[in-house]
């Protein structure tokens, strides 16, 4: 009887460890997914900022050409 209880206790402990490991793995996967998402958001915002700066550069370049054309007319 005592032996059966010990075996049952060992099985329950093993199941608890298995469940705990499974939960830990899921948490690690969630954390990894979140970190990848944050990296992607940072990367996307960086690309968006570069596009905005390039648009400004093109606009300023057009203005500079216009100013140079006006100076040449003088």
PDB file of N, CA and C in Angstrom:
ATOM      1  N   UNK A   1       0.820  -1.192   0.000  1.00  0.00           N
ATOM      2  CA  UNK A   1       0.000   0.000   0.000  1.00  0.00           C
ATOM      3  C   UNK A   1       0.868   1.263   0.000  1.00  0.00           C
ATOM      4  N   UNK A   2       1.869   1.285   0.860  1.00  0.00           N
ATOM      5  CA  UNK A   2       2.765   2.430   0.950  1.00  0.00           C
ATOM      6  C   UNK A   2       3.527   2.618  -0.359  1.00  0.00           C
ATOM      7  N   UNK A   3       3.915   1.511  -0.937  1.00  0.00           N
ATOM      8  CA  UNK A   3       4.647   1.559  -2.200  1.00  0.00           C
ATOM      9  C   UNK A   3       3.769   2.159  -3.309  1.00  0.00           C
ATOM     10  N   UNK A   4       2.508   1.782  -3.353  1.00  0.00           N
ATOM     11  CA  UNK A   4       1.583   2.326  -4.349  1.00  0.00           C
ATOM     12  C   UNK A   4       1.420   3.827  -4.164  1.00  0.00           C
ATOM     13  N   UNK A   5       1.337   4.270  -2.927  1.00  0.00           N
ATOM     14  CA  UNK A   5       1.203   5.702  -2.653  1.00  0.00           C
ATOM     15  C   UNK A   5       2.455   6.450  -3.088  1.00  0.00           C
ATOM     16  N   UNK A   6       3.628   5.857  -2.848  1.00  0.00           N
ATOM     17  CA  UNK A   6       4.883   6.478  -3.271  1.00  0.00           C
ATOM     18  C   UNK A   6       4.943   6.576  -4.791  1.00  0.00           C
ATOM     19  N   UNK A   7       4.558   5.507  -5.465  1.00  0.00           N
ATOM     20  CA  UNK A   7       4.558   5.513  -6.930  1.00  0.00           C
ATOM     21  C   UNK A   7       3.570   6.546  -7.463  1.00  0.00           C
ATOM     22  N   UNK A   8       2.412   6.616  -6.837  1.00  0.00           N
ATOM     23  CA  UNK A   8       1.403   7.589  -7.255  1.00  0.00           C
ATOM     24  C   UNK A   8       1.920   9.005  -7.032  1.00  0.00           C
ATOM     25  N   UNK A   9       2.573   9.218  -5.904  1.00  0.00           N
ATOM     26  CA  UNK A   9       3.144  10.528  -5.601  1.00  0.00           C
ATOM     27  C   UNK A   9       4.224  10.889  -6.620  1.00  0.00           C
ATOM     28  N   UNK A  10       5.057   9.900  -6.975  1.00  0.00           N
ATOM     29  CA  UNK A  10       6.105  10.138  -7.970  1.00  0.00           C
ATOM     30  C   UNK A  10       5.496  10.478  -9.327  1.00  0.00           C
ATOM     31  N   UNK A  11       4.428   9.784  -9.695  1.00  0.00           N
ATOM     32  CA  UNK A  11       3.756  10.069 -10.966  1.00  0.00           C
ATOM     33  C   UNK A  11       3.170  11.474 -10.967  1.00  0.00           C
ATOM     34  N   UNK A  12       2.549  11.860  -9.866  1.00  0.00           N
ATOM     35  CA  UNK A  12       1.982  13.205  -9.763  1.00  0.00           C
ATOM     36  C   UNK A  12       3.081  14.256  -9.851  1.00  0.00           C
ATOM     37  N   UNK A  13       4.207  14.008  -9.170  1.00  0.00           N
ATOM     38  CA  UNK A  13       5.334  14.939  -9.237  1.00  0.00           C
ATOM     39  C   UNK A  13       5.860  15.050 -10.661  1.00  0.00           C
ATOM     40  N   UNK A  14       5.963  13.908 -11.339  1.00  0.00           N
ATOM     41  CA  UNK A  14       6.441  13.906 -12.723  1.00  0.00           C
ATOM     42  C   UNK A  14       5.479  14.676 -13.619  1.00  0.00           C
ATOM     43  N   UNK A  15       4.186  14.494 -13.402  1.00  0.00           N
ATOM     44  CA  UNK A  15       3.191  15.228 -14.186  1.00  0.00           C
ATOM     45  C   UNK A  15       3.301  16.719 -13.912  1.00  0.00           C
ATOM     46  N   UNK A  16       3.487  17.093 -12.624  1.00  0.00           N
ATOM     47  CA  UNK A  16       3.635  18.504 -12.269  1.00  0.00           C
ATOM     48  C   UNK A  16       4.857  19.110 -12.952  1.00  0.00           C
ATOM     49  N   UNK A  17       5.963  18.367 -12.958  1.00  0.00           N
ATOM     50  CA  UNK A  17       7.181  18.843 -13.605  1.00  0.00           C
ATOM     51  C   UNK A  17       6.941  18.992 -15.103  1.00  0.00           C
ATOM     52  N   UNK A  18       6.260  18.019 -15.705  1.00  0.00           N
ATOM     53  CA  UNK A  18       5.969  18.090 -17.136  1.00  0.00           C
ATOM     54  C   UNK A  18       5.094  19.278 -17.476  1.00  0.00           C
ATOM     55  N   UNK A  19       4.089  19.524 -16.657  1.00  0.00           N
ATOM     56  CA  UNK A  19       3.198  20.670 -16.883  1.00  0.00           C
ATOM     57  C   UNK A  19       3.974  21.966 -16.699  1.00  0.00           C
ATOM     58  N   UNK A  20       4.804  22.010 -15.661  1.00  0.00           N
ATOM     59  CA  UNK A  20       5.597  23.213 -15.395  1.00  0.00           C
ATOM     60  C   UNK A  20       6.545  23.499 -16.557  1.00  0.00           C
ATOM     61  N   UNK A  21       7.214  22.452 -17.060  1.00  0.00           N
ATOM     62  CA  UNK A  21       8.111  22.630 -18.198  1.00  0.00           C
ATOM     63  C   UNK A  21       7.347  23.098 -19.427  1.00  0.00           C
ATOM     64  N   UNK A  22       6.172  22.551 -19.636  1.00  0.00           N
ATOM     65  CA  UNK A  22       5.353  22.942 -20.776  1.00  0.00           C
ATOM     66  C   UNK A  22       4.957  24.414 -20.677  1.00  0.00           C
ATOM     67  N   UNK A  23       4.557  24.829 -19.481  1.00  0.00           N
ATOM     68  CA  UNK A  23       4.174  26.231 -19.268  1.00  0.00           C
ATOM     69  C   UNK A  23       5.382  27.139 -19.465  1.00  0.00           C
ATOM     70  N   UNK A  24       6.546  26.717 -18.956  1.00  0.00           N
ATOM     71  CA  UNK A  24       7.759  27.513 -19.127  1.00  0.00           C
ATOM     72  C   UNK A  24       8.119  27.649 -20.600  1.00  0.00           C
ATOM     73  N   UNK A  25       7.988  26.571 -21.361  1.00  0.00           N
ATOM     74  CA  UNK A  25       8.274  26.623 -22.795  1.00  0.00           C
ATOM     75  C   UNK A  25       7.322  27.577 -23.503  1.00  0.00           C
ATOM     76  N   UNK A  26       6.046  27.523 -23.145  1.00  0.00           N
ATOM     77  CA  UNK A  26       5.066  28.429 -23.756  1.00  0.00           C
ATOM     78  C   UNK A  26       5.398  29.874 -23.408  1.00  0.00           C
ATOM     79  N   UNK A  27       5.788  30.133 -22.157  1.00  0.00           N
ATOM     80  CA  UNK A  27       6.153  31.487 -21.747  1.00  0.00           C
ATOM     81  C   UNK A  27       7.381  31.975 -22.508  1.00  0.00           C
ATOM     82  N   UNK A  28       8.366  31.090 -22.678  1.00  0.00           N
ATOM     83  CA  UNK A  28       9.557  31.460 -23.439  1.00  0.00           C
ATOM     84  C   UNK A  28       9.194  31.783 -24.882  1.00  0.00           C
ATOM     85  N   UNK A  29       8.315  30.988 -25.474  1.00  0.00           N
ATOM     86  CA  UNK A  29       7.888  31.242 -26.852  1.00  0.00           C
ATOM     87  C   UNK A  29       7.143  32.569 -26.950  1.00  0.00           C
ATOM     88  N   UNK A  30       6.297  32.857 -25.961  1.00  0.00           N
ATOM     89  CA  UNK A  30       5.573  34.129 -25.947  1.00  0.00           C
ATOM     90  C   UNK A  30       6.537  35.303 -25.824  1.00  0.00           C
ATOM     91  N   UNK A  31       7.512  35.182 -24.925  1.00  0.00           N
ATOM     92  CA  UNK A  31       8.492  36.249 -24.744  1.00  0.00           C
ATOM     93  C   UNK A  31       9.300  36.461 -26.016  1.00  0.00           C
ATOM     94  N   UNK A  32       9.683  35.375 -26.674  1.00  0.00           N
ATOM     95  CA  UNK A  32      10.435  35.481 -27.918  1.00  0.00           C
ATOM     96  C   UNK A  32       9.600  36.183 -28.990  1.00  0.00           C
ATOM     97  N   UNK A  33       8.339  35.792 -29.094  1.00  0.00           N
ATOM     98  CA  UNK A  33       7.448  36.417 -30.082  1.00  0.00           C
ATOM     99  C   UNK A  33       7.281  37.903 -29.785  1.00  0.00           C
ATOM    100  N   UNK A  34       7.134  38.249 -28.513  1.00  0.00           N
ATOM    101  CA  UNK A  34       6.996  39.659 -28.141  1.00  0.00           C
ATOM    102  C   UNK A  34       8.258  40.439 -28.472  1.00  0.00           C
ATOM    103  N   UNK A  35       9.427  39.866 -28.195  1.00  0.00           N
ATOM    104  CA  UNK A  35      10.678  40.571 -28.486  1.00  0.00           C
ATOM    105  C   UNK A  35      10.851  40.749 -29.990  1.00  0.00           C
ATOM    106  N   UNK A  36      10.488  39.741 -30.767  1.00  0.00           N
ATOM    107  CA  UNK A  36      10.565  39.864 -32.229  1.00  0.00           C
ATOM    108  C   UNK A  36       9.608  40.934 -32.730  1.00  0.00           C
ATOM    109  N   UNK A  37       8.432  40.997 -32.118  1.00  0.00           N
ATOM    110  CA  UNK A  37       7.450  42.004 -32.501  1.00  0.00           C
ATOM    111  C   UNK A  37       7.983  43.399 -32.201  1.00  0.00           C
ATOM    112  N   UNK A  38       8.590  43.565 -31.036  1.00  0.00           N
ATOM    113  CA  UNK A  38       9.160  44.870 -30.673  1.00  0.00           C
ATOM    114  C   UNK A  38      10.275  45.250 -31.633  1.00  0.00           C
ATOM    115  N   UNK A  39      11.146  44.275 -31.966  1.00  0.00           N
ATOM    116  CA  UNK A  39      12.221  44.543 -32.912  1.00  0.00           C
ATOM    117  C   UNK A  39      11.651  44.968 -34.255  1.00  0.00           C
ATOM    118  N   UNK A  40      10.609  44.290 -34.694  1.00  0.00           N
ATOM    119  CA  UNK A  40       9.996  44.615 -35.977  1.00  0.00           C
ATOM    120  C   UNK A  40       9.385  46.007 -35.936  1.00  0.00           C
ATOM    121  N   UNK A  41       8.725  46.358 -34.813  1.00  0.00           N
ATOM    122  CA  UNK A  41       8.136  47.681 -34.685  1.00  0.00           C
ATOM    123  C   UNK A  41       9.209  48.757 -34.715  1.00  0.00           C
ATOM    124  N   UNK A  42      10.332  48.519 -34.037  1.00  0.00           N
ATOM    125  CA  UNK A  42      11.435  49.479 -34.040  1.00  0.00           C
ATOM    126  C   UNK A  42      11.989  49.611 -35.451  1.00  0.00           C
ATOM    127  N   UNK A  43      12.162  48.474 -36.119  1.00  0.00           N
ATOM    128  CA  UNK A  43      12.675  48.480 -37.486  1.00  0.00           C
ATOM    129  C   UNK A  43      11.710  49.207 -38.417  1.00  0.00           C
ATOM    130  N   UNK A  44      10.414  48.934 -38.293  1.00  0.00           N
ATOM    131  CA  UNK A  44       9.410  49.588 -39.131  1.00  0.00           C
ATOM    132  C   UNK A  44       9.387  51.086 -38.884  1.00  0.00           C
ATOM    133  N   UNK A  45       9.469  51.507 -37.626  1.00  0.00           N
ATOM    134  CA  UNK A  45       9.446  52.940 -37.337  1.00  0.00           C
ATOM    135  C   UNK A  45      10.715  53.597 -37.855  1.00  0.00           C
ATOM    136  N   UNK A  46      11.843  52.879 -37.818  1.00  0.00           N
ATOM    137  CA  UNK A  46      13.085  53.412 -38.372  1.00  0.00           C
ATOM    138  C   UNK A  46      12.976  53.598 -39.878  1.00  0.00           C
ATOM    139  N   UNK A  47      12.415  52.608 -40.553  1.00  0.00           N
ATOM    140  CA  UNK A  47      12.224  52.711 -42.002  1.00  0.00           C
ATOM    141  C   UNK A  47      11.272  53.847 -42.345  1.00  0.00           C
ATOM    142  N   UNK A  48      10.233  53.989 -41.540  1.00  0.00           N
ATOM    143  CA  UNK A  48       9.259  55.052 -41.771  1.00  0.00           C
ATOM    144  C   UNK A  48       9.926  56.420 -41.615  1.00  0.00           C
ATOM    145  N   UNK A  49      10.785  56.557 -40.608  1.00  0.00           N
ATOM    146  CA  UNK A  49      11.508  57.814 -40.376  1.00  0.00           C
ATOM    147  C   UNK A  49      12.438  58.109 -41.549  1.00  0.00           C
ATOM    148  N   UNK A  50      13.121  57.097 -42.059  1.00  0.00           N
ATOM    149  CA  UNK A  50      14.017  57.286 -43.203  1.00  0.00           C
ATOM    150  C   UNK A  50      13.225  57.730 -44.424  1.00  0.00           C
ATOM    151  N   UNK A  51      12.062  57.110 -44.673  1.00  0.00           N
ATOM    152  CA  UNK A  51      11.224  57.515 -45.813  1.00  0.00           C
ATOM    153  C   UNK A  51      10.811  58.977 -45.681  1.00  0.00           C
ATOM    154  N   UNK A  52      10.423  59.367 -44.475  1.00  0.00           N
ATOM    155  CA  UNK A  52      10.006  60.748 -44.230  1.00  0.00           C
ATOM    156  C   UNK A  52      11.171  61.709 -44.506  1.00  0.00           C
ATOM    157  N   UNK A  53      12.357  61.372 -44.022  1.00  0.00           N
ATOM    158  CA  UNK A  53      13.522  62.228 -44.249  1.00  0.00           C
ATOM    159  C   UNK A  53      13.890  62.292 -45.729  1.00  0.00           C
ATOM    160  N   UNK A  54      13.747  61.175 -46.437  1.00  0.00           N
ATOM    161  CA  UNK A  54      14.032  61.176 -47.875  1.00  0.00           C
ATOM    162  C   UNK A  54      13.033  62.060 -48.617  1.00  0.00           C
ATOM    163  N   UNK A  55      11.769  62.008 -48.220  1.00  0.00           N
ATOM    164  CA  UNK A  55      10.758  62.882 -48.826  1.00  0.00           C
ATOM    165  C   UNK A  55      11.105  64.347 -48.590  1.00  0.00           C
ATOM    166  N   UNK A  56      11.529  64.673 -47.369  1.00  0.00           N
ATOM    167  CA  UNK A  56      11.930  66.051 -47.063  1.00  0.00           C
ATOM    168  C   UNK A  56      13.127  66.455 -47.907  1.00  0.00           C
ATOM    169  N   UNK A  57      14.089  65.550 -48.058  1.00  0.00           N
ATOM    170  CA  UNK A  57      15.282  65.828 -48.848  1.00  0.00           C
ATOM    171  C   UNK A  57      14.926  66.114 -50.302  1.00  0.00           C
ATOM    172  N   UNK A  58      14.026  65.332 -50.865  1.00  0.00           N
ATOM    173  CA  UNK A  58      13.600  65.549 -52.252  1.00  0.00           C
ATOM    174  C   UNK A  58      12.915  66.908 -52.379  1.00  0.00           C
ATOM    175  N   UNK A  59      12.043  67.227 -51.423  1.00  0.00           N
ATOM    176  CA  UNK A  59      11.354  68.518 -51.456  1.00  0.00           C
ATOM    177  C   UNK A  59      12.326  69.685 -51.356  1.00  0.00           C
ATOM    178  N   UNK A  60      13.293  69.571 -50.462  1.00  0.00           N
ATOM    179  CA  UNK A  60      14.286  70.641 -50.310  1.00  0.00           C
ATOM    180  C   UNK A  60      15.185  70.739 -51.536  1.00  0.00           C
ATOM    181  N   UNK A  61      15.481  69.619 -52.164  1.00  0.00           N
ATOM    182  CA  UNK A  61      16.287  69.620 -53.380  1.00  0.00           C
ATOM    183  C   UNK A  61      15.560  70.355 -54.507  1.00  0.00           C
ATOM    184  N   UNK A  62      14.263  70.131 -54.613  1.00  0.00           N
ATOM    185  CA  UNK A  62      13.458  70.825 -55.629  1.00  0.00           C
ATOM    186  C   UNK A  62      13.448  72.324 -55.351  1.00  0.00           C
ATOM    187  N   UNK A  63      13.295  72.695 -54.087  1.00  0.00           N
ATOM    188  CA  UNK A  63      13.322  74.118 -53.726  1.00  0.00           C
ATOM    189  C   UNK A  63      14.675  74.734 -54.058  1.00  0.00           C
ATOM    190  N   UNK A  64      15.751  74.019 -53.776  1.00  0.00           N
ATOM    191  CA  UNK A  64      17.091  74.522 -54.063  1.00  0.00           C
ATOM    192  C   UNK A  64      17.288  74.726 -55.562  1.00  0.00           C
ATOM    193  N   UNK A  65      16.809  73.803 -56.373  1.00  0.00           N
ATOM    194  CA  UNK A  65      16.913  73.957 -57.825  1.00  0.00           C
ATOM    195  C   UNK A  65      16.154  75.194 -58.284  1.00  0.00           C
ATOM    196  N   UNK A  66      14.983  75.411 -57.696  1.00  0.00           N
ATOM    197  CA  UNK A  66      14.187  76.583 -58.046  1.00  0.00           C
ATOM    198  C   UNK A  66      14.920  77.865 -57.664  1.00  0.00           C
ATOM    199  N   UNK A  67      15.506  77.883 -56.491  1.00  0.00           N
ATOM    200  CA  UNK A  67      16.253  79.066 -56.036  1.00  0.00           C
ATOM    201  C   UNK A  67      17.461  79.302 -56.934  1.00  0.00           C
ATOM    202  N   UNK A  68      18.180  78.248 -57.283  1.00  0.00           N
ATOM    203  CA  UNK A  68      19.334  78.386 -58.178  1.00  0.00           C
ATOM    204  C   UNK A  68      18.909  78.911 -59.546  1.00  0.00           C
ATOM    205  N   UNK A  69      17.768  78.455 -60.042  1.00  0.00           N
ATOM    206  CA  UNK A  69      17.270  78.944 -61.335  1.00  0.00           C
ATOM    207  C   UNK A  69      16.956  80.432 -61.247  1.00  0.00           C
ATOM    208  N   UNK A  70      16.356  80.868 -60.133  1.00  0.00           N
ATOM    209  CA  UNK A  70      16.046  82.287 -59.947  1.00  0.00           C
ATOM    210  C   UNK A  70      17.320  83.117 -59.849  1.00  0.00           C
ATOM    211  N   UNK A  71      18.330  82.607 -59.183  1.00  0.00           N
ATOM    212  CA  UNK A  71      19.608  83.324 -59.064  1.00  0.00           C
ATOM    213  C   UNK A  71      20.260  83.448 -60.434  1.00  0.00           C
ATOM    214  N   UNK A  72      20.197  82.397 -61.224  1.00  0.00           N
ATOM    215  CA  UNK A  72      20.799  82.427 -62.557  1.00  0.00           C
ATOM    216  C   UNK A  72      20.107  83.441 -63.459  1.00  0.00           C
ATOM    217  N   UNK A  73      18.817  83.683 -63.242  1.00  0.00           N
ATOM    218  CA  UNK A  73      18.081  84.658 -64.043  1.00  0.00           C
ATOM    219  C   UNK A  73      18.521  86.079 -63.717  1.00  0.00           C
ATOM    220  N   UNK A  74      18.992  86.295 -62.506  1.00  0.00           N
ATOM    221  CA  UNK A  74      19.429  87.633 -62.102  1.00  0.00           C
ATOM    222  C   UNK A  74      20.736  87.906 -62.746  1.00  0.00           C
TER     223      UNK A  74
END
